[in-house]
Amino acid sequence: MGPAGWAILLLMASVIGSVLYFDFTGLKKSHVVVRYVIWAVVLVGFIVLNTKRLSPGRNLHIHHYFLAFMMLTFICYQNEVLTICHGFAMGMFIEGGCRWGYDPIWTLAGTEGEIDDRQITKPKEVSKHTTKERMRWIEIKAHQSKIRSQNEKRIAESQVDNNAPQYSIPVHQPQSAANSMPQTTYLQPAMINMPVQHVAPAN
């Protein structure tokens, strides 16, 4: 580790040490130190025991939303520094859940082989993802959102350029052994533009 690495490490240690000092002082002034020590023992004990109980089928994965949750339960409001730290932890908690989802803390152990896109995108399978499957699921959703926006833009442009309105219609292809899934790698259905024919009313 170079000088810059040591400087960053010392800075982080100083910040964390200061927060812990201010927090302990605030809890002591509020006469609740014993309660928080008991809560810390219960929390850590539960994590350790449940990890042993679920292993080897599941692995412990501390997401940053859960780390922020633990910070929120220990940081008090007794001075300005702690209030800022509490607000930072709250933002970290919300960002983690909104960006990545409130995934399980004990995730299924990863399996060998390729991920089946059709399986992991089923609604009932979302809560059973491994970490690798969750990352793949996020990639699929991001790609679908991008393609959907491009399709909507093309449809809007076609409606402006042509007299007849254009509508995006999914193509339904027959299932066969050679082509059992008429979709792309990212599960985006094939789309075509079909003009609407206006039929004159009968006299």
N, C-alpha and C. Protein backbone atom coordinates (compact mmCIF):
# COMPACT_ATOMS: atom_id res chain seq x y z
N MET A 1 0.85 -1.20 0.00
CA MET A 1 0.00 0.00 0.00
C MET A 1 0.88 1.24 0.00
N GLY A 2 0.60 2.16 -0.94
CA GLY A 2 1.40 3.37 -1.05
C GLY A 2 0.98 4.44 -0.06
N PRO A 3 1.65 5.58 -0.10
CA PRO A 3 1.31 6.68 0.81
C PRO A 3 -0.13 7.15 0.68
N ALA A 4 -0.65 7.20 -0.56
CA ALA A 4 -2.04 7.63 -0.76
C ALA A 4 -3.02 6.66 -0.11
N GLY A 5 -2.72 5.35 -0.24
CA GLY A 5 -3.59 4.35 0.38
C GLY A 5 -3.60 4.46 1.89
N TRP A 6 -2.43 4.68 2.49
CA TRP A 6 -2.36 4.84 3.94
C TRP A 6 -3.08 6.10 4.39
N ALA A 7 -2.97 7.16 3.60
CA ALA A 7 -3.65 8.41 3.95
C ALA A 7 -5.16 8.23 3.94
N ILE A 8 -5.67 7.52 2.92
CA ILE A 8 -7.10 7.26 2.85
C ILE A 8 -7.55 6.39 4.00
N LEU A 9 -6.74 5.37 4.33
CA LEU A 9 -7.07 4.48 5.43
C LEU A 9 -7.13 5.24 6.76
N LEU A 10 -6.15 6.10 7.00
CA LEU A 10 -6.14 6.89 8.24
C LEU A 10 -7.32 7.86 8.28
N LEU A 11 -7.66 8.44 7.14
CA LEU A 11 -8.81 9.36 7.09
C LEU A 11 -10.10 8.62 7.41
N MET A 12 -10.28 7.45 6.82
CA MET A 12 -11.48 6.66 7.09
C MET A 12 -11.55 6.24 8.55
N ALA A 13 -10.40 5.82 9.11
CA ALA A 13 -10.36 5.43 10.52
C ALA A 13 -10.70 6.62 11.43
N SER A 14 -10.22 7.80 11.06
CA SER A 14 -10.50 8.99 11.86
C SER A 14 -11.99 9.34 11.83
N VAL A 15 -12.58 9.27 10.63
CA VAL A 15 -14.01 9.60 10.49
C VAL A 15 -14.87 8.60 11.26
N ILE A 16 -14.58 7.30 11.07
CA ILE A 16 -15.37 6.27 11.75
C ILE A 16 -15.19 6.37 13.26
N GLY A 17 -13.94 6.59 13.70
CA GLY A 17 -13.68 6.73 15.14
C GLY A 17 -14.40 7.93 15.73
N SER A 18 -14.44 9.04 14.99
CA SER A 18 -15.13 10.23 15.49
C SER A 18 -16.63 9.99 15.61
N VAL A 19 -17.20 9.33 14.59
CA VAL A 19 -18.64 9.04 14.63
C VAL A 19 -18.96 8.13 15.81
N LEU A 20 -18.14 7.09 16.01
CA LEU A 20 -18.37 6.19 17.13
C LEU A 20 -18.25 6.92 18.47
N TYR A 21 -17.29 7.82 18.57
CA TYR A 21 -17.12 8.57 19.82
C TYR A 21 -18.33 9.46 20.09
N PHE A 22 -18.75 10.22 19.08
CA PHE A 22 -19.91 11.09 19.26
C PHE A 22 -21.17 10.29 19.57
N ASP A 23 -21.30 9.14 18.90
CA ASP A 23 -22.48 8.30 19.12
C ASP A 23 -22.50 7.74 20.54
N PHE A 24 -21.36 7.23 20.99
CA PHE A 24 -21.28 6.69 22.34
C PHE A 24 -21.56 7.78 23.38
N THR A 25 -21.00 8.97 23.14
CA THR A 25 -21.24 10.08 24.07
C THR A 25 -22.72 10.45 24.12
N GLY A 26 -23.36 10.50 22.94
CA GLY A 26 -24.78 10.83 22.92
C GLY A 26 -25.63 9.79 23.59
N LEU A 27 -25.33 8.51 23.36
CA LEU A 27 -26.10 7.45 24.00
C LEU A 27 -25.89 7.45 25.52
N LYS A 28 -24.66 7.77 25.92
CA LYS A 28 -24.37 7.81 27.36
C LYS A 28 -25.14 8.94 28.04
N LYS A 29 -25.20 10.10 27.39
CA LYS A 29 -25.94 11.22 27.96
C LYS A 29 -27.44 10.91 28.04
N SER A 30 -27.90 10.07 27.12
CA SER A 30 -29.32 9.70 27.12
C SER A 30 -29.62 8.51 28.03
N HIS A 31 -28.57 7.94 28.64
CA HIS A 31 -28.70 6.81 29.58
C HIS A 31 -29.33 5.57 28.90
N VAL A 32 -28.90 5.30 27.67
CA VAL A 32 -29.44 4.14 26.96
C VAL A 32 -28.32 3.25 26.40
N VAL A 33 -27.11 3.39 26.90
CA VAL A 33 -25.99 2.61 26.37
C VAL A 33 -26.23 1.12 26.55
N VAL A 34 -26.75 0.74 27.70
CA VAL A 34 -26.96 -0.69 27.97
C VAL A 34 -27.97 -1.29 26.99
N ARG A 35 -29.01 -0.54 26.69
CA ARG A 35 -30.03 -1.03 25.74
C ARG A 35 -29.42 -1.26 24.36
N TYR A 36 -28.56 -0.35 23.93
CA TYR A 36 -27.96 -0.49 22.61
C TYR A 36 -26.92 -1.61 22.57
N VAL A 37 -26.23 -1.83 23.68
CA VAL A 37 -25.29 -2.95 23.74
C VAL A 37 -26.06 -4.27 23.64
N ILE A 38 -27.19 -4.36 24.31
CA ILE A 38 -28.02 -5.57 24.23
C ILE A 38 -28.51 -5.77 22.79
N TRP A 39 -28.95 -4.69 22.16
CA TRP A 39 -29.42 -4.78 20.78
C TRP A 39 -28.29 -5.22 19.84
N ALA A 40 -27.07 -4.73 20.06
CA ALA A 40 -25.93 -5.12 19.23
C ALA A 40 -25.65 -6.61 19.38
N VAL A 41 -25.70 -7.11 20.60
CA VAL A 41 -25.45 -8.54 20.84
C VAL A 41 -26.52 -9.39 20.17
N VAL A 42 -27.79 -8.96 20.30
CA VAL A 42 -28.88 -9.72 19.68
C VAL A 42 -28.75 -9.72 18.16
N LEU A 43 -28.45 -8.57 17.58
CA LEU A 43 -28.35 -8.46 16.12
C LEU A 43 -27.21 -9.31 15.57
N VAL A 44 -26.02 -9.16 16.15
CA VAL A 44 -24.87 -9.92 15.67
C VAL A 44 -25.07 -11.41 15.92
N GLY A 45 -25.61 -11.75 17.08
CA GLY A 45 -25.86 -13.15 17.38
C GLY A 45 -26.84 -13.79 16.42
N PHE A 46 -27.90 -13.06 16.07
CA PHE A 46 -28.88 -13.60 15.12
C PHE A 46 -28.24 -13.83 13.75
N ILE A 47 -27.43 -12.88 13.29
CA ILE A 47 -26.78 -13.03 11.98
C ILE A 47 -25.87 -14.24 11.96
N VAL A 48 -25.08 -14.41 13.02
CA VAL A 48 -24.14 -15.54 13.08
C VAL A 48 -24.89 -16.87 13.13
N LEU A 49 -25.88 -16.97 14.02
CA LEU A 49 -26.60 -18.23 14.18
C LEU A 49 -27.40 -18.59 12.93
N ASN A 50 -28.05 -17.59 12.32
CA ASN A 50 -28.84 -17.88 11.13
C ASN A 50 -27.96 -18.25 9.94
N THR A 51 -26.76 -17.66 9.87
CA THR A 51 -25.83 -18.03 8.80
C THR A 51 -25.40 -19.48 8.95
N LYS A 52 -25.12 -19.90 10.16
CA LYS A 52 -24.75 -21.30 10.39
C LYS A 52 -25.91 -22.24 10.10
N ARG A 53 -27.12 -21.80 10.44
CA ARG A 53 -28.29 -22.64 10.24
C ARG A 53 -28.59 -22.86 8.76
N LEU A 54 -28.39 -21.83 7.95
CA LEU A 54 -28.73 -21.91 6.52
C LEU A 54 -27.60 -22.43 5.64
N SER A 55 -26.38 -22.47 6.16
CA SER A 55 -25.27 -22.97 5.36
C SER A 55 -25.37 -24.49 5.24
N PRO A 56 -24.84 -25.10 4.16
CA PRO A 56 -24.16 -24.47 3.03
C PRO A 56 -25.09 -24.07 1.89
N GLY A 57 -26.40 -24.24 2.05
CA GLY A 57 -27.32 -23.94 0.96
C GLY A 57 -27.43 -22.45 0.64
N ARG A 58 -27.20 -21.60 1.66
CA ARG A 58 -27.28 -20.15 1.46
C ARG A 58 -26.05 -19.48 2.03
N ASN A 59 -25.68 -18.36 1.40
CA ASN A 59 -24.52 -17.59 1.83
C ASN A 59 -24.95 -16.22 2.34
N LEU A 60 -24.23 -15.71 3.32
CA LEU A 60 -24.51 -14.38 3.86
C LEU A 60 -24.01 -13.32 2.89
N HIS A 61 -24.88 -12.39 2.53
CA HIS A 61 -24.53 -11.29 1.62
C HIS A 61 -25.06 -10.00 2.25
N ILE A 62 -24.16 -9.23 2.85
CA ILE A 62 -24.55 -7.97 3.49
C ILE A 62 -24.67 -6.90 2.41
N HIS A 63 -25.89 -6.62 1.99
CA HIS A 63 -26.12 -5.54 1.02
C HIS A 63 -25.95 -4.19 1.71
N HIS A 64 -25.65 -3.16 0.92
CA HIS A 64 -25.40 -1.88 1.57
C HIS A 64 -26.68 -1.26 2.13
N TYR A 65 -27.85 -1.70 1.65
CA TYR A 65 -29.08 -1.21 2.27
C TYR A 65 -29.21 -1.76 3.69
N PHE A 66 -28.75 -3.00 3.90
CA PHE A 66 -28.82 -3.59 5.24
C PHE A 66 -27.77 -2.99 6.16
N LEU A 67 -26.60 -2.69 5.59
CA LEU A 67 -25.56 -2.02 6.38
C LEU A 67 -26.06 -0.65 6.85
N ALA A 68 -26.76 0.06 5.96
CA ALA A 68 -27.32 1.36 6.32
C ALA A 68 -28.40 1.20 7.38
N PHE A 69 -29.19 0.13 7.27
CA PHE A 69 -30.23 -0.13 8.27
C PHE A 69 -29.62 -0.32 9.65
N MET A 70 -28.53 -1.07 9.72
CA MET A 70 -27.86 -1.27 11.01
C MET A 70 -27.31 0.05 11.55
N MET A 71 -26.77 0.88 10.65
CA MET A 71 -26.28 2.19 11.09
C MET A 71 -27.42 3.04 11.65
N LEU A 72 -28.58 2.99 11.02
CA LEU A 72 -29.72 3.78 11.47
C LEU A 72 -30.17 3.38 12.87
N THR A 73 -30.05 2.11 13.19
CA THR A 73 -30.52 1.66 14.51
C THR A 73 -29.56 2.04 15.64
N PHE A 74 -28.34 2.44 15.29
CA PHE A 74 -27.37 2.77 16.34
C PHE A 74 -27.04 4.26 16.43
N ILE A 75 -27.21 5.00 15.33
CA ILE A 75 -26.84 6.41 15.33
C ILE A 75 -27.97 7.24 15.93
N CYS A 76 -27.63 8.10 16.86
CA CYS A 76 -28.63 8.95 17.50
C CYS A 76 -28.59 10.37 16.91
N TYR A 77 -29.32 11.29 17.53
CA TYR A 77 -29.45 12.66 17.00
C TYR A 77 -28.91 13.71 17.97
N GLN A 78 -28.02 13.33 18.85
CA GLN A 78 -27.65 14.22 19.94
C GLN A 78 -26.79 15.41 19.54
N ASN A 79 -26.25 15.45 18.35
CA ASN A 79 -25.52 16.64 17.87
C ASN A 79 -25.59 16.70 16.34
N GLU A 80 -25.02 17.77 15.80
CA GLU A 80 -25.14 18.00 14.36
C GLU A 80 -24.44 16.93 13.54
N VAL A 81 -23.29 16.47 14.01
CA VAL A 81 -22.52 15.46 13.27
C VAL A 81 -23.33 14.16 13.15
N LEU A 82 -23.92 13.74 14.25
CA LEU A 82 -24.70 12.51 14.23
C LEU A 82 -25.95 12.66 13.37
N THR A 83 -26.55 13.83 13.36
CA THR A 83 -27.74 14.06 12.53
C THR A 83 -27.38 13.93 11.05
N ILE A 84 -26.23 14.49 10.67
CA ILE A 84 -25.77 14.37 9.28
C ILE A 84 -25.49 12.90 8.94
N CYS A 85 -24.84 12.19 9.84
CA CYS A 85 -24.54 10.78 9.61
C CYS A 85 -25.82 9.96 9.49
N HIS A 86 -26.82 10.30 10.32
CA HIS A 86 -28.10 9.59 10.25
C HIS A 86 -28.78 9.84 8.91
N GLY A 87 -28.73 11.09 8.44
CA GLY A 87 -29.30 11.40 7.13
C GLY A 87 -28.57 10.68 6.00
N PHE A 88 -27.25 10.59 6.10
CA PHE A 88 -26.48 9.86 5.09
C PHE A 88 -26.87 8.38 5.08
N ALA A 89 -27.01 7.78 6.26
CA ALA A 89 -27.39 6.37 6.33
C ALA A 89 -28.79 6.15 5.78
N MET A 90 -29.71 7.08 6.03
CA MET A 90 -31.06 6.96 5.49
C MET A 90 -31.04 7.02 3.95
N GLY A 91 -30.27 7.95 3.40
CA GLY A 91 -30.15 8.03 1.94
C GLY A 91 -29.52 6.77 1.36
N MET A 92 -28.54 6.23 2.03
CA MET A 92 -27.89 5.00 1.58
C MET A 92 -28.88 3.82 1.59
N PHE A 93 -29.72 3.78 2.62
CA PHE A 93 -30.73 2.72 2.73
C PHE A 93 -31.74 2.81 1.58
N ILE A 94 -32.25 4.01 1.30
CA ILE A 94 -33.25 4.19 0.25
C ILE A 94 -32.64 3.93 -1.12
N GLU A 95 -31.42 4.44 -1.36
CA GLU A 95 -30.76 4.24 -2.64
C GLU A 95 -30.52 2.75 -2.92
N GLY A 96 -30.10 2.03 -1.89
CA GLY A 96 -29.85 0.60 -2.07
C GLY A 96 -31.09 -0.16 -2.47
N GLY A 97 -32.22 0.16 -1.79
CA GLY A 97 -33.45 -0.53 -2.11
C GLY A 97 -34.02 -0.14 -3.46
N CYS A 98 -33.98 1.17 -3.78
CA CYS A 98 -34.56 1.63 -5.05
C CYS A 98 -33.70 1.23 -6.24
N ARG A 99 -32.40 1.23 -6.09
CA ARG A 99 -31.51 0.93 -7.22
C ARG A 99 -31.38 -0.57 -7.46
N TRP A 100 -31.21 -1.35 -6.39
CA TRP A 100 -30.92 -2.76 -6.54
C TRP A 100 -32.02 -3.67 -6.01
N GLY A 101 -32.95 -3.11 -5.24
CA GLY A 101 -34.01 -3.93 -4.65
C GLY A 101 -33.59 -4.45 -3.28
N TYR A 102 -34.57 -4.72 -2.44
CA TYR A 102 -34.29 -5.24 -1.10
C TYR A 102 -34.13 -6.75 -1.19
N ASP A 103 -32.99 -7.15 -1.72
CA ASP A 103 -32.72 -8.57 -1.92
C ASP A 103 -32.50 -9.28 -0.59
N PRO A 104 -32.71 -10.60 -0.58
CA PRO A 104 -32.47 -11.36 0.66
C PRO A 104 -31.03 -11.24 1.12
N ILE A 105 -30.85 -11.25 2.42
CA ILE A 105 -29.50 -11.17 2.99
C ILE A 105 -28.80 -12.52 2.86
N TRP A 106 -29.56 -13.59 2.99
CA TRP A 106 -29.00 -14.93 2.80
C TRP A 106 -29.42 -15.42 1.43
N THR A 107 -28.50 -15.37 0.47
CA THR A 107 -28.80 -15.73 -0.92
C THR A 107 -28.47 -17.19 -1.17
N LEU A 108 -29.14 -17.76 -2.16
CA LEU A 108 -28.87 -19.14 -2.55
C LEU A 108 -27.45 -19.26 -3.05
N ALA A 109 -26.81 -20.37 -2.70
CA ALA A 109 -25.44 -20.60 -3.17
C ALA A 109 -25.44 -20.69 -4.68
N GLY A 110 -24.44 -20.07 -5.33
CA GLY A 110 -24.37 -20.05 -6.79
C GLY A 110 -24.22 -21.45 -7.35
N THR A 111 -24.83 -21.67 -8.50
CA THR A 111 -24.73 -22.96 -9.17
C THR A 111 -23.87 -22.81 -10.41
N GLU A 112 -23.27 -23.91 -10.83
CA GLU A 112 -22.43 -23.91 -12.02
C GLU A 112 -23.29 -23.90 -13.28
N GLY A 113 -22.71 -23.47 -14.38
CA GLY A 113 -23.40 -23.48 -15.65
C GLY A 113 -23.98 -22.12 -15.99
N GLU A 114 -24.57 -22.06 -17.19
CA GLU A 114 -25.12 -20.80 -17.67
C GLU A 114 -26.47 -20.52 -17.02
N ILE A 115 -26.83 -19.24 -16.98
CA ILE A 115 -28.11 -18.82 -16.41
C ILE A 115 -29.19 -18.91 -17.47
N ASP A 116 -30.34 -19.47 -17.09
CA ASP A 116 -31.47 -19.57 -18.01
C ASP A 116 -32.29 -18.29 -17.91
N ASP A 117 -32.23 -17.44 -18.96
CA ASP A 117 -32.95 -16.17 -18.94
C ASP A 117 -34.45 -16.35 -18.79
N ARG A 118 -34.99 -17.39 -19.42
CA ARG A 118 -36.43 -17.61 -19.34
C ARG A 118 -36.87 -17.95 -17.92
N GLN A 119 -36.00 -18.63 -17.18
CA GLN A 119 -36.37 -19.04 -15.83
C GLN A 119 -36.27 -17.90 -14.83
N ILE A 120 -35.21 -17.12 -14.90
CA ILE A 120 -35.00 -16.08 -13.88
C ILE A 120 -35.92 -14.89 -14.05
N THR A 121 -36.57 -14.75 -15.23
CA THR A 121 -37.48 -13.62 -15.44
C THR A 121 -38.92 -13.96 -15.06
N LYS A 122 -39.19 -15.17 -14.63
CA LYS A 122 -40.53 -15.51 -14.16
C LYS A 122 -40.80 -14.80 -12.83
N PRO A 123 -42.02 -14.25 -12.66
CA PRO A 123 -42.31 -13.48 -11.43
C PRO A 123 -42.04 -14.23 -10.14
N LYS A 124 -42.35 -15.53 -10.11
CA LYS A 124 -42.18 -16.29 -8.87
C LYS A 124 -40.71 -16.61 -8.58
N GLU A 125 -39.84 -16.44 -9.57
CA GLU A 125 -38.43 -16.76 -9.38
C GLU A 125 -37.61 -15.56 -8.93
N VAL A 126 -38.19 -14.36 -9.00
CA VAL A 126 -37.43 -13.15 -8.69
C VAL A 126 -36.90 -13.17 -7.26
N SER A 127 -37.71 -13.66 -6.32
CA SER A 127 -37.30 -13.68 -4.91
C SER A 127 -36.31 -14.80 -4.59
N LYS A 128 -36.00 -15.66 -5.57
CA LYS A 128 -35.10 -16.79 -5.34
C LYS A 128 -33.76 -16.61 -6.04
N HIS A 129 -33.48 -15.42 -6.56
CA HIS A 129 -32.26 -15.20 -7.32
C HIS A 129 -31.00 -15.37 -6.48
N THR A 130 -29.98 -15.92 -7.10
CA THR A 130 -28.64 -15.80 -6.54
C THR A 130 -28.10 -14.42 -6.93
N THR A 131 -26.95 -14.06 -6.38
CA THR A 131 -26.37 -12.76 -6.71
C THR A 131 -26.09 -12.66 -8.21
N LYS A 132 -25.57 -13.73 -8.80
CA LYS A 132 -25.27 -13.74 -10.23
C LYS A 132 -26.54 -13.62 -11.06
N GLU A 133 -27.59 -14.33 -10.65
CA GLU A 133 -28.85 -14.25 -11.37
C GLU A 133 -29.48 -12.88 -11.24
N ARG A 134 -29.35 -12.24 -10.08
CA ARG A 134 -29.91 -10.90 -9.91
C ARG A 134 -29.22 -9.89 -10.83
N MET A 135 -27.89 -9.98 -10.97
CA MET A 135 -27.18 -9.08 -11.86
C MET A 135 -27.61 -9.30 -13.31
N ARG A 136 -27.83 -10.55 -13.70
CA ARG A 136 -28.30 -10.83 -15.05
C ARG A 136 -29.71 -10.28 -15.25
N TRP A 137 -30.57 -10.41 -14.25
CA TRP A 137 -31.94 -9.91 -14.32
C TRP A 137 -31.95 -8.39 -14.51
N ILE A 138 -31.05 -7.69 -13.82
CA ILE A 138 -30.95 -6.24 -13.96
C ILE A 138 -30.52 -5.88 -15.38
N GLU A 139 -29.57 -6.63 -15.95
CA GLU A 139 -29.15 -6.38 -17.32
C GLU A 139 -30.31 -6.56 -18.30
N ILE A 140 -31.10 -7.61 -18.11
CA ILE A 140 -32.23 -7.86 -18.99
C ILE A 140 -33.24 -6.73 -18.92
N LYS A 141 -33.59 -6.29 -17.71
CA LYS A 141 -34.57 -5.23 -17.56
C LYS A 141 -34.07 -3.91 -18.15
N ALA A 142 -32.79 -3.62 -17.98
CA ALA A 142 -32.24 -2.39 -18.54
C ALA A 142 -32.27 -2.43 -20.06
N HIS A 143 -31.93 -3.59 -20.65
CA HIS A 143 -31.95 -3.72 -22.10
C HIS A 143 -33.38 -3.63 -22.63
N GLN A 144 -34.32 -4.27 -21.97
CA GLN A 144 -35.71 -4.20 -22.40
C GLN A 144 -36.23 -2.77 -22.37
N SER A 145 -35.88 -2.03 -21.33
CA SER A 145 -36.32 -0.64 -21.22
C SER A 145 -35.75 0.20 -22.37
N LYS A 146 -34.48 -0.04 -22.71
CA LYS A 146 -33.86 0.69 -23.80
C LYS A 146 -34.51 0.38 -25.13
N ILE A 147 -34.75 -0.92 -25.42
CA ILE A 147 -35.38 -1.31 -26.68
C ILE A 147 -36.81 -0.81 -26.74
N ARG A 148 -37.51 -0.83 -25.62
CA ARG A 148 -38.89 -0.34 -25.60
C ARG A 148 -38.95 1.14 -25.95
N SER A 149 -38.01 1.90 -25.43
CA SER A 149 -37.96 3.34 -25.74
C SER A 149 -37.67 3.56 -27.22
N GLN A 150 -36.76 2.77 -27.78
CA GLN A 150 -36.44 2.89 -29.21
C GLN A 150 -37.64 2.54 -30.07
N ASN A 151 -38.38 1.48 -29.70
CA ASN A 151 -39.58 1.11 -30.45
C ASN A 151 -40.64 2.20 -30.41
N GLU A 152 -40.84 2.79 -29.22
CA GLU A 152 -41.84 3.85 -29.09
C GLU A 152 -41.45 5.07 -29.92
N LYS A 153 -40.14 5.35 -30.00
CA LYS A 153 -39.68 6.47 -30.81
C LYS A 153 -39.92 6.20 -32.29
N ARG A 154 -39.64 4.99 -32.75
CA ARG A 154 -39.88 4.64 -34.15
C ARG A 154 -41.36 4.71 -34.49
N ILE A 155 -42.22 4.25 -33.60
CA ILE A 155 -43.65 4.30 -33.84
C ILE A 155 -44.13 5.74 -33.96
N ALA A 156 -43.65 6.60 -33.06
CA ALA A 156 -44.04 8.01 -33.11
C ALA A 156 -43.59 8.66 -34.41
N GLU A 157 -42.38 8.33 -34.86
CA GLU A 157 -41.87 8.89 -36.11
C GLU A 157 -42.66 8.38 -37.31
N SER A 158 -43.04 7.10 -37.29
CA SER A 158 -43.79 6.53 -38.41
C SER A 158 -45.19 7.13 -38.49
N GLN A 159 -45.78 7.46 -37.37
CA GLN A 159 -47.12 8.05 -37.37
C GLN A 159 -47.09 9.48 -37.93
N VAL A 160 -45.97 10.14 -37.75
CA VAL A 160 -45.84 11.50 -38.28
C VAL A 160 -45.56 11.48 -39.77
N ASP A 161 -44.73 10.54 -40.24
CA ASP A 161 -44.29 10.52 -41.63
C ASP A 161 -45.33 9.92 -42.57
N ASN A 162 -46.13 8.98 -42.09
CA ASN A 162 -47.09 8.29 -42.96
C ASN A 162 -48.51 8.77 -42.68
N ASN A 163 -49.36 8.67 -43.70
CA ASN A 163 -50.75 9.06 -43.52
C ASN A 163 -51.49 8.06 -42.64
N ALA A 164 -51.21 6.78 -42.87
CA ALA A 164 -51.87 5.75 -42.07
C ALA A 164 -51.11 5.55 -40.77
N PRO A 165 -51.81 5.44 -39.64
CA PRO A 165 -51.12 5.23 -38.36
C PRO A 165 -50.45 3.87 -38.32
N GLN A 166 -49.31 3.82 -37.61
CA GLN A 166 -48.55 2.58 -37.49
C GLN A 166 -48.65 2.09 -36.06
N TYR A 167 -48.79 0.79 -35.91
CA TYR A 167 -48.87 0.19 -34.58
C TYR A 167 -47.87 -0.94 -34.48
N SER A 168 -47.28 -1.07 -33.31
CA SER A 168 -46.30 -2.13 -33.07
C SER A 168 -47.03 -3.37 -32.61
N ILE A 169 -46.86 -4.47 -33.35
CA ILE A 169 -47.58 -5.71 -33.06
C ILE A 169 -46.57 -6.82 -32.86
N PRO A 170 -46.67 -7.58 -31.76
CA PRO A 170 -45.73 -8.70 -31.57
C PRO A 170 -45.97 -9.80 -32.57
N VAL A 171 -44.90 -10.38 -33.06
CA VAL A 171 -44.99 -11.49 -34.01
C VAL A 171 -45.06 -12.79 -33.24
N HIS A 172 -46.08 -13.58 -33.48
CA HIS A 172 -46.23 -14.88 -32.82
C HIS A 172 -45.82 -15.96 -33.80
N GLN A 173 -44.71 -16.60 -33.50
CA GLN A 173 -44.20 -17.64 -34.37
C GLN A 173 -44.50 -19.01 -33.77
N PRO A 174 -44.75 -20.03 -34.59
CA PRO A 174 -45.03 -21.38 -34.05
C PRO A 174 -43.80 -21.96 -33.37
N GLN A 175 -44.05 -22.67 -32.30
CA GLN A 175 -42.97 -23.32 -31.58
C GLN A 175 -42.47 -24.51 -32.38
N SER A 176 -41.18 -24.71 -32.42
CA SER A 176 -40.59 -25.86 -33.12
C SER A 176 -39.33 -26.27 -32.40
N ALA A 177 -38.82 -27.40 -32.78
CA ALA A 177 -37.60 -27.88 -32.13
C ALA A 177 -36.43 -26.99 -32.47
N ALA A 178 -36.40 -26.45 -33.69
CA ALA A 178 -35.28 -25.61 -34.11
C ALA A 178 -35.38 -24.22 -33.50
N ASN A 179 -36.62 -23.77 -33.27
CA ASN A 179 -36.81 -22.42 -32.74
C ASN A 179 -37.89 -22.47 -31.68
N SER A 180 -37.52 -22.86 -30.48
CA SER A 180 -38.48 -23.04 -29.40
C SER A 180 -38.82 -21.75 -28.70
N MET A 181 -38.09 -20.66 -28.99
CA MET A 181 -38.34 -19.40 -28.30
C MET A 181 -38.18 -18.25 -29.28
N PRO A 182 -39.27 -17.69 -29.80
CA PRO A 182 -39.16 -16.61 -30.80
C PRO A 182 -38.83 -15.28 -30.15
N GLN A 183 -37.73 -15.23 -29.45
CA GLN A 183 -37.31 -14.02 -28.77
C GLN A 183 -35.80 -13.88 -28.89
N THR A 184 -35.31 -12.69 -28.60
CA THR A 184 -33.88 -12.47 -28.64
C THR A 184 -33.24 -12.95 -27.36
N THR A 185 -31.90 -12.74 -27.27
CA THR A 185 -31.19 -13.16 -26.07
C THR A 185 -31.72 -12.48 -24.83
N TYR A 186 -32.17 -11.23 -24.97
CA TYR A 186 -32.66 -10.47 -23.82
C TYR A 186 -34.17 -10.56 -23.66
N LEU A 187 -34.81 -11.54 -24.29
CA LEU A 187 -36.24 -11.77 -24.13
C LEU A 187 -37.06 -10.61 -24.65
N GLN A 188 -36.56 -9.90 -25.63
CA GLN A 188 -37.32 -8.80 -26.23
C GLN A 188 -38.11 -9.34 -27.40
N PRO A 189 -39.46 -9.31 -27.38
CA PRO A 189 -40.23 -9.86 -28.50
C PRO A 189 -39.93 -9.13 -29.80
N ALA A 190 -39.96 -9.87 -30.90
CA ALA A 190 -39.77 -9.25 -32.20
C ALA A 190 -40.95 -8.33 -32.50
N MET A 191 -40.70 -7.16 -33.06
CA MET A 191 -41.73 -6.17 -33.30
C MET A 191 -41.76 -5.81 -34.79
N ILE A 192 -42.96 -5.57 -35.34
CA ILE A 192 -43.10 -5.10 -36.71
C ILE A 192 -44.07 -3.94 -36.72
N ASN A 193 -44.02 -3.12 -37.77
CA ASN A 193 -44.97 -2.05 -37.98
C ASN A 193 -45.98 -2.48 -39.03
N MET A 194 -47.24 -2.41 -38.71
CA MET A 194 -48.29 -2.82 -39.64
C MET A 194 -49.26 -1.67 -39.84
N PRO A 195 -49.45 -1.19 -41.08
CA PRO A 195 -50.39 -0.08 -41.30
C PRO A 195 -51.82 -0.53 -41.05
N VAL A 196 -52.62 0.39 -40.57
CA VAL A 196 -54.03 0.11 -40.31
C VAL A 196 -54.83 0.39 -41.57
N GLN A 197 -55.61 -0.57 -42.03
CA GLN A 197 -56.41 -0.41 -43.23
C GLN A 197 -57.79 0.12 -42.85
N HIS A 198 -58.22 1.19 -43.50
CA HIS A 198 -59.52 1.78 -43.23
C HIS A 198 -60.51 1.25 -44.27
N VAL A 199 -61.53 0.57 -43.83
CA VAL A 199 -62.53 -0.04 -44.70
C VAL A 199 -63.72 0.91 -44.80
N ALA A 200 -64.11 1.23 -46.04
CA ALA A 200 -65.25 2.13 -46.23
C ALA A 200 -66.54 1.46 -45.82
N PRO A 201 -67.45 2.16 -45.16
CA PRO A 201 -68.71 1.53 -44.73
C PRO A 201 -69.58 1.16 -45.92
N ALA A 202 -70.28 0.05 -45.79
CA ALA A 202 -71.16 -0.43 -46.86
C ALA A 202 -72.38 0.48 -46.99
N ASN A 203 -72.86 0.69 -48.24
CA ASN A 203 -74.04 1.52 -48.47
C ASN A 203 -75.32 0.79 -48.11
